Amino acid sequence: MPSARRLKQADDFDERIRRLRRLMKTDTLDAFLVTHLPNVRYLAGFTGSSGCLLVQPRRTIFISDNRYREQAGREVVCDEVHILEGVDLISHIAAAVKELRLKRLGIEGKTLSVWQFFTLEEALERGCRILPTEDWIESLRQIKGAQELKLLKKAARIGDRAFRKILSEVRAGISEAQLARRLRFALEEFGGEKPSFDPIVLFGGRTSLIHGKPGGARLRRGQLILMDFGTVYRGYCSDMTRTVAFGEPGEEIRAAYHAVRHAQAETRRAVKAGRKTDQIDAVARRRLEQMGYGEEFIHATGHSLGLEIHEDPRLSEQTSERLRPGMVVTIEPGVYRAGKYGIRIEDMVHVTRDGGETLTHTARNLIVL
C-alpha cells in the first residue's frame, strides 16, 4: 500500500499537471514535451540526469534509459514509464508522436537545445508542428506549495547551522579555499545533499568581487570575510550571505555595514503580496542612496529560488512583476568599494498576503571574531 507521503506527492503532481494542461488548452496543443530536468522533477518526481515527460490531455508518459529503470519505478508518478534500450530519447519521442498522430507539440523553447530541436523536427518531418513556449512550467513553479515551503525552510535551517559552526573554524592564516571547503563539509554534515552553487568565500579587499571565487588568499586580522552559500535539501535550494569581521574592522566599514543592514531590514519588511519587484528593489536602493552608498549598490536586490538557485521573478530595476503569496525570494543588498571591501547581507523570504516570512534566521548584526 502506498505511504501517506507518496499519496500526498501524487496529489501534488496531479495538481501541477492539471495546471499545465490548462495552459496547453489555451494553445490547443495535443501534447507538451518537458525536457528541462528541474521541470520533469516538478511534474513527475524524477531526480535522475536523463529523462523527459510527454504530457497529453489525458495521459503522461515518462521516458528514460535503462540506467534509470529501478529509480524511475521508485520515483516517477505518471501514467506510463518507457525505459529505452539502445534508442535515444529524441528518436523515441518522435516515434511516439507519430504513433499518437499528434499535430501540435509544445516544447520548452528556452531549454531544448538547438540540436534536439532540429533532430526532433527532422524526425517528425511535416506531420507535426513544433511550437516553442516560454517559461510555462517555470511560471507554475513560482508559487510554492506547502511541501515545497517545508523543504525550503529545512534547507535554510541547514545553512543557518553550517554558518554557526564555520565561525568557530575561522582563524588567522586560513585560506579562502580552505574555509570554503569546510563550509561545504558543514552543509553536508547537517543534512545538505550538495551546495546549491559554488560557495563564495572572500577575505579583505577581495570581498568587493561580487561573484568572486575562493582562492589562496590568507586571512589576517582586521579583514572582512564575506560568505555567500547555500545547500540543496531534497531538491530545493537555500541561499544566504553574511559578512563578518576578523578583528576590529574600523569606522569606515562599520558605517557601511550599518547602511547595508538597515537597507536589508527595511527591504525585508517591504515584501508583501501585491507589491511589484521593482518597488521592492527601489526600497533597498533608496535607503542606500540616502545613507551615501547609492553608487556602490551595483546589482539586483534579489531573486526567486526553489528547485533552481535562480528563478523568476527577479527583484530588480528591470522587472515589474507582482509578488504573489507562496513565492520565495532573496533580499540581498550590498555595497562594494573596489579593492577595499564588499558587504552583503542576504536572507530568504516567503511572500505572504500580509508581509514576508524570513526563512533564514542567522543574526544580521556585525559579528566581530
Protein backbone atom coordinates (compact mmCIF):
# COMPACT_ATOMS: atom_id res chain seq x y z
CA MET A 1 0.00 0.00 0.00
CA PRO A 2 1.42 3.44 -0.90
CA SER A 3 2.56 5.56 2.03
CA ALA A 4 0.68 8.71 3.06
CA ARG A 5 3.67 10.76 1.87
CA ARG A 6 3.63 9.03 -1.52
CA LEU A 7 -0.09 9.69 -1.89
CA LYS A 8 0.41 13.35 -0.98
CA GLN A 9 3.18 13.66 -3.56
CA ALA A 10 0.90 12.12 -6.18
CA ASP A 11 -1.77 14.70 -5.36
CA ASP A 12 0.81 17.49 -5.76
CA PHE A 13 1.97 16.15 -9.13
CA ASP A 14 -1.61 15.72 -10.34
CA GLU A 15 -2.42 19.33 -9.50
CA ARG A 16 0.71 20.57 -11.28
CA ILE A 17 -0.17 18.56 -14.39
CA ARG A 18 -3.71 19.97 -14.31
CA ARG A 19 -2.32 23.49 -14.24
CA LEU A 20 -0.03 22.72 -17.19
CA ARG A 21 -2.92 21.22 -19.14
CA ARG A 22 -4.88 24.44 -18.72
CA LEU A 23 -2.01 26.27 -20.43
CA MET A 24 -1.89 23.62 -23.17
CA LYS A 25 -5.59 24.10 -23.80
CA THR A 26 -5.14 27.81 -24.44
CA ASP A 27 -2.75 26.97 -27.30
CA THR A 28 -4.74 23.91 -28.41
CA LEU A 29 -1.71 21.64 -28.01
CA ASP A 30 -2.04 17.89 -28.49
CA ALA A 31 0.94 17.32 -26.18
CA PHE A 32 3.72 19.10 -24.34
CA LEU A 33 7.28 17.79 -24.19
CA VAL A 34 9.11 18.53 -20.92
CA THR A 35 12.89 18.14 -21.21
CA HIS A 36 14.31 20.56 -18.59
CA LEU A 37 15.16 18.22 -15.73
CA PRO A 38 14.03 20.51 -12.86
CA ASN A 39 10.67 20.73 -14.62
CA VAL A 40 10.50 16.95 -15.09
CA ARG A 41 11.15 16.61 -11.37
CA TYR A 42 8.49 19.21 -10.56
CA LEU A 43 5.83 17.42 -12.61
CA ALA A 44 6.70 13.75 -12.06
CA GLY A 45 9.27 13.37 -9.25
CA PHE A 46 12.25 12.09 -11.28
CA THR A 47 15.64 13.06 -9.82
CA GLY A 48 17.98 11.45 -12.37
CA SER A 49 20.10 13.05 -15.08
CA SER A 50 18.37 11.77 -18.23
CA GLY A 51 14.65 11.75 -18.83
CA CYS A 52 11.70 13.64 -20.25
CA LEU A 53 7.95 13.78 -19.88
CA LEU A 54 5.31 13.83 -22.62
CA VAL A 55 2.11 15.38 -21.30
CA GLN A 56 -1.13 14.82 -23.20
CA PRO A 57 -4.64 15.96 -22.28
CA ARG A 58 -5.39 12.59 -20.63
CA ARG A 59 -2.08 10.80 -20.29
CA THR A 60 1.50 11.40 -19.14
CA ILE A 61 4.46 9.35 -20.39
CA PHE A 62 7.88 9.41 -18.75
CA ILE A 63 10.82 8.33 -20.93
CA SER A 64 14.35 7.46 -19.81
CA ASP A 65 17.08 4.91 -20.45
CA ASN A 66 17.92 1.56 -18.88
CA ARG A 67 20.16 3.10 -16.19
CA TYR A 68 17.06 4.52 -14.53
CA ARG A 69 14.71 1.54 -14.72
CA GLU A 70 14.66 0.91 -10.98
CA GLN A 71 14.89 4.58 -9.99
CA ALA A 72 12.00 5.55 -12.23
CA GLY A 73 9.91 2.79 -10.71
CA ARG A 74 10.56 4.18 -7.26
CA GLU A 75 10.20 7.89 -8.02
CA VAL A 76 8.13 8.71 -11.06
CA VAL A 77 4.43 9.50 -10.75
CA CYS A 78 2.73 9.33 -14.16
CA ASP A 79 0.55 7.09 -16.31
CA GLU A 80 3.27 5.26 -18.27
CA VAL A 81 7.03 4.76 -17.93
CA HIS A 82 9.03 3.93 -21.07
CA ILE A 83 12.55 2.64 -20.46
CA LEU A 84 14.73 2.58 -23.57
CA GLU A 85 17.49 0.19 -24.58
CA GLY A 86 19.63 1.30 -27.48
CA VAL A 87 17.31 4.09 -28.61
CA ASP A 88 17.90 7.77 -27.92
CA LEU A 89 15.19 9.85 -26.28
CA ILE A 90 14.54 12.13 -29.25
CA SER A 91 14.05 9.22 -31.66
CA HIS A 92 11.65 7.56 -29.23
CA ILE A 93 9.70 10.78 -28.74
CA ALA A 94 9.43 11.26 -32.50
CA ALA A 95 8.15 7.70 -32.91
CA ALA A 96 5.62 8.21 -30.11
CA VAL A 97 4.39 11.48 -31.64
CA LYS A 98 3.88 9.75 -34.99
CA GLU A 99 2.13 6.78 -33.40
CA LEU A 100 -0.18 9.08 -31.43
CA ARG A 101 -0.79 11.19 -34.56
CA LEU A 102 -0.09 14.42 -32.74
CA LYS A 103 -0.39 17.60 -34.79
CA ARG A 104 0.70 20.31 -32.34
CA LEU A 105 3.56 19.58 -29.95
CA GLY A 106 4.66 22.18 -27.42
CA ILE A 107 8.30 22.31 -26.32
CA GLU A 108 10.34 24.31 -23.81
CA GLY A 109 11.81 26.99 -26.02
CA LYS A 110 14.47 28.19 -23.58
CA THR A 111 15.96 24.85 -22.58
CA LEU A 112 15.60 22.45 -25.52
CA SER A 113 18.94 22.56 -27.32
CA VAL A 114 19.22 23.60 -30.95
CA TRP A 115 20.46 20.09 -31.79
CA GLN A 116 17.49 18.47 -30.04
CA PHE A 117 15.06 20.81 -31.78
CA PHE A 118 16.35 20.17 -35.27
CA THR A 119 16.71 16.44 -34.63
CA LEU A 120 13.11 16.28 -33.46
CA GLU A 121 11.90 18.46 -36.33
CA GLU A 122 13.71 16.29 -38.88
CA ALA A 123 12.41 13.06 -37.35
CA LEU A 124 8.83 14.33 -37.41
CA GLU A 125 9.11 15.73 -40.93
CA ARG A 126 5.94 17.73 -41.64
CA GLY A 127 3.47 15.54 -39.78
CA CYS A 128 3.53 17.58 -36.58
CA ARG A 129 4.04 21.25 -35.87
CA ILE A 130 6.55 22.01 -33.09
CA LEU A 131 5.59 25.07 -31.05
CA PRO A 132 8.17 26.61 -28.66
CA THR A 133 6.81 28.02 -25.42
CA GLU A 134 8.49 30.27 -22.87
CA ASP A 135 8.56 29.65 -19.11
CA TRP A 136 5.25 27.80 -18.87
CA ILE A 137 6.35 25.42 -16.14
CA GLU A 138 8.68 27.97 -14.58
CA SER A 139 5.66 30.24 -14.11
CA LEU A 140 3.87 27.41 -12.28
CA ARG A 141 6.92 26.84 -10.10
CA GLN A 142 6.91 30.44 -8.85
CA ILE A 143 4.21 29.62 -6.30
CA LYS A 144 5.46 27.11 -3.76
CA GLY A 145 3.08 24.59 -2.23
CA ALA A 146 3.07 23.58 1.44
CA GLN A 147 5.52 20.69 0.92
CA GLU A 148 7.88 22.85 -1.13
CA LEU A 149 7.91 25.50 1.59
CA LYS A 150 8.70 22.84 4.17
CA LEU A 151 11.73 21.72 2.16
CA LEU A 152 12.92 25.28 1.56
CA LYS A 153 12.70 26.01 5.29
CA LYS A 154 14.73 22.89 6.04
CA ALA A 155 17.38 23.91 3.50
CA ALA A 156 17.52 27.35 5.10
CA ARG A 157 17.94 25.84 8.59
CA ILE A 158 20.84 23.73 7.35
CA GLY A 159 22.53 26.91 6.12
CA ASP A 160 21.99 28.61 9.48
CA ARG A 161 23.54 25.68 11.35
CA ALA A 162 26.51 25.40 8.99
CA PHE A 163 27.24 29.11 9.35
CA ARG A 164 27.25 28.90 13.15
CA LYS A 165 29.70 26.01 13.00
CA ILE A 166 32.01 27.61 10.46
CA LEU A 167 32.51 30.69 12.62
CA SER A 168 34.34 28.51 15.15
CA GLU A 169 36.78 27.42 12.43
CA VAL A 170 37.86 30.91 11.39
CA ARG A 171 41.48 31.61 12.31
CA ALA A 172 44.43 33.67 11.09
CA GLY A 173 46.24 32.12 8.14
CA ILE A 174 43.37 30.03 6.82
CA SER A 175 42.82 30.48 3.07
CA GLU A 176 39.58 31.35 1.32
CA ALA A 177 39.59 27.96 -0.41
CA GLN A 178 40.16 26.10 2.86
CA LEU A 179 37.29 27.89 4.59
CA ALA A 180 35.03 27.29 1.57
CA ARG A 181 35.79 23.54 1.76
CA ARG A 182 34.98 23.49 5.48
CA LEU A 183 31.74 25.30 4.75
CA ARG A 184 30.81 22.62 2.20
CA PHE A 185 31.54 19.89 4.76
CA ALA A 186 29.39 21.66 7.38
CA LEU A 187 26.44 21.90 4.97
CA GLU A 188 26.68 18.16 4.30
CA GLU A 189 27.11 17.36 7.99
CA PHE A 190 23.78 18.99 8.81
CA GLY A 191 21.87 17.24 6.03
CA GLY A 192 22.54 19.11 2.79
CA GLU A 193 22.77 16.99 -0.37
CA LYS A 194 25.20 19.29 -2.15
CA PRO A 195 25.89 23.03 -2.43
CA SER A 196 23.18 24.89 -4.34
CA PHE A 197 26.05 26.80 -6.01
CA ASP A 198 29.80 27.10 -5.53
CA PRO A 199 30.22 28.91 -2.20
CA ILE A 200 31.68 32.41 -2.32
CA VAL A 201 34.22 32.91 0.49
CA LEU A 202 36.36 36.05 0.20
CA PHE A 203 38.67 38.00 2.51
CA GLY A 204 39.67 41.64 2.82
CA GLY A 205 39.80 43.69 -0.36
CA ARG A 206 38.62 40.69 -2.39
CA THR A 207 35.16 40.95 -0.80
CA SER A 208 34.35 43.62 -3.39
CA LEU A 209 34.31 40.84 -6.04
CA ILE A 210 30.57 40.24 -6.12
CA HIS A 211 30.84 36.71 -7.54
CA GLY A 212 34.48 36.10 -6.73
CA LYS A 213 35.90 32.59 -6.42
CA PRO A 214 37.69 31.46 -3.26
CA GLY A 215 41.45 31.34 -3.79
CA GLY A 216 44.70 31.16 -1.89
CA ALA A 217 44.38 34.50 -0.06
CA ARG A 218 45.02 34.01 3.68
CA LEU A 219 43.11 35.68 6.45
CA ARG A 220 44.65 38.48 8.50
CA ARG A 221 43.41 40.49 11.46
CA GLY A 222 41.30 43.50 10.53
CA GLN A 223 39.85 41.90 7.38
CA LEU A 224 36.25 41.27 6.42
CA ILE A 225 35.01 37.79 5.50
CA LEU A 226 32.14 37.53 3.03
CA MET A 227 30.38 34.15 2.79
CA ASP A 228 27.61 33.58 0.23
CA PHE A 229 26.43 29.96 0.18
CA GLY A 230 23.51 27.55 0.10
CA THR A 231 22.62 23.90 0.08
CA VAL A 232 20.17 21.56 -1.61
CA TYR A 233 17.73 19.58 0.51
CA ARG A 234 15.55 17.04 -1.32
CA GLY A 235 15.97 19.09 -4.47
CA TYR A 236 15.25 22.54 -3.00
CA CYS A 237 17.86 25.28 -2.71
CA SER A 238 18.81 27.66 0.06
CA ASP A 239 20.83 30.86 -0.27
CA MET A 240 22.22 33.24 2.33
CA THR A 241 25.08 35.71 2.73
CA ARG A 242 26.76 37.04 5.83
CA THR A 243 29.70 39.41 6.17
CA VAL A 244 31.74 39.21 9.38
CA ALA A 245 34.87 40.94 10.66
CA PHE A 246 38.03 39.16 11.81
CA GLY A 247 39.19 41.67 14.38
CA GLU A 248 38.15 45.31 14.64
CA PRO A 249 37.16 46.49 11.13
CA GLY A 250 37.32 50.26 11.67
CA GLU A 251 34.74 53.03 11.44
CA GLU A 252 34.51 53.16 7.62
CA ILE A 253 33.46 49.53 7.40
CA ARG A 254 31.19 49.78 10.43
CA ALA A 255 29.35 52.69 8.80
CA ALA A 256 28.94 50.81 5.51
CA TYR A 257 27.75 47.70 7.34
CA HIS A 258 25.21 49.77 9.27
CA ALA A 259 23.84 51.10 5.96
CA VAL A 260 23.52 47.64 4.39
CA ARG A 261 21.94 46.16 7.49
CA HIS A 262 19.28 48.86 7.68
CA ALA A 263 18.59 48.74 3.93
CA GLN A 264 18.22 44.98 4.06
CA ALA A 265 15.90 45.06 7.08
CA GLU A 266 13.71 47.75 5.53
CA THR A 267 13.51 45.81 2.26
CA ARG A 268 12.55 42.58 4.01
CA ARG A 269 9.75 44.46 5.76
CA ALA A 270 8.55 45.77 2.38
CA VAL A 271 7.99 42.26 0.96
CA LYS A 272 4.26 41.65 0.60
CA ALA A 273 1.92 40.08 -1.93
CA GLY A 274 0.75 42.63 -4.50
CA ARG A 275 3.89 44.74 -4.49
CA LYS A 276 5.99 44.82 -7.64
CA THR A 277 9.52 43.55 -7.90
CA ASP A 278 10.94 46.92 -8.96
CA GLN A 279 9.21 48.54 -5.98
CA ILE A 280 10.98 46.15 -3.61
CA ASP A 281 14.29 46.85 -5.36
CA ALA A 282 13.66 50.59 -5.03
CA VAL A 283 13.33 50.32 -1.24
CA ALA A 284 16.90 48.99 -0.88
CA ARG A 285 18.27 51.37 -3.48
CA ARG A 286 16.62 54.43 -1.96
CA ARG A 287 17.81 53.65 1.58
CA LEU A 288 21.41 53.15 0.44
CA GLU A 289 21.28 56.36 -1.57
CA GLN A 290 20.04 58.25 1.49
CA MET A 291 22.96 56.88 3.51
CA GLY A 292 25.54 57.81 0.86
CA TYR A 293 26.10 54.43 -0.76
CA GLY A 294 23.78 54.52 -3.77
CA GLU A 295 26.55 54.28 -6.39
CA GLU A 296 28.09 51.31 -4.59
CA PHE A 297 25.00 49.11 -4.84
CA ILE A 298 25.54 47.66 -8.30
CA HIS A 299 23.41 44.52 -8.57
CA ALA A 300 19.77 43.49 -8.21
CA THR A 301 18.16 43.27 -4.80
CA GLY A 302 17.24 39.60 -5.10
CA HIS A 303 15.82 36.65 -6.99
CA SER A 304 13.42 33.79 -6.52
CA LEU A 305 14.61 30.25 -5.81
CA GLY A 306 13.31 26.72 -5.43
CA LEU A 307 14.34 23.69 -7.47
CA GLU A 308 16.94 26.01 -9.03
CA ILE A 309 19.03 28.61 -7.26
CA HIS A 310 17.95 31.42 -9.61
CA GLU A 311 14.34 31.50 -10.64
CA ASP A 312 11.87 34.19 -11.67
CA PRO A 313 10.81 36.73 -10.69
CA ARG A 314 13.97 38.78 -10.12
CA LEU A 315 13.82 41.79 -7.82
CA SER A 316 15.50 44.49 -9.87
CA GLU A 317 15.03 47.82 -11.59
CA GLN A 318 14.43 45.99 -14.87
CA THR A 319 11.48 43.83 -13.73
CA SER A 320 7.96 44.76 -12.73
CA GLU A 321 6.13 41.60 -11.68
CA ARG A 322 3.70 41.46 -8.78
CA LEU A 323 4.69 39.32 -5.83
CA ARG A 324 2.16 36.59 -5.05
CA PRO A 325 1.57 34.52 -1.92
CA GLY A 326 3.77 31.43 -1.97
CA MET A 327 6.74 32.96 -3.76
CA VAL A 328 10.13 32.69 -2.07
CA VAL A 329 12.69 35.39 -2.82
CA THR A 330 16.08 36.55 -1.59
CA ILE A 331 16.75 40.03 -0.25
CA GLU A 332 20.45 40.80 -0.67
CA PRO A 333 21.52 44.45 -0.99
CA GLY A 334 25.23 45.20 -0.78
CA VAL A 335 27.84 47.92 -1.12
CA TYR A 336 31.23 47.48 -2.77
CA ARG A 337 34.36 49.61 -2.94
CA ALA A 338 36.76 48.05 -5.43
CA GLY A 339 39.82 46.56 -3.80
CA LYS A 340 38.77 47.76 -0.32
CA TYR A 341 35.67 45.93 0.88
CA GLY A 342 32.33 44.41 -0.02
CA ILE A 343 29.42 43.97 2.36
CA ARG A 344 26.31 41.92 1.58
CA ILE A 345 23.54 40.53 3.78
CA GLU A 346 21.14 38.03 2.22
CA ASP A 347 18.07 36.23 3.51
CA MET A 348 15.34 34.06 2.04
CA VAL A 349 11.82 35.48 2.42
CA HIS A 350 8.48 33.73 1.88
CA VAL A 351 5.89 36.10 0.41
CA THR A 352 2.55 36.12 2.26
CA ARG A 353 -0.61 38.18 1.92
CA ASP A 354 0.30 40.20 4.98
CA GLY A 355 4.06 40.56 4.51
CA GLY A 356 7.15 38.39 4.35
CA GLU A 357 8.27 35.43 6.46
CA THR A 358 12.07 35.33 6.75
CA LEU A 359 13.32 31.74 6.43
CA THR A 360 17.00 32.30 7.29
CA HIS A 361 17.47 33.20 10.93
CA THR A 362 21.19 33.87 11.46
CA ALA A 363 21.77 37.22 13.20
CA ARG A 364 22.39 40.22 10.96
CA ASN A 365 24.39 42.40 13.38
CA LEU A 366 28.08 42.79 12.61
CA ILE A 367 29.88 39.80 14.09
CA VAL A 368 33.47 40.55 15.12
CA LEU A 369 35.54 37.41 15.65
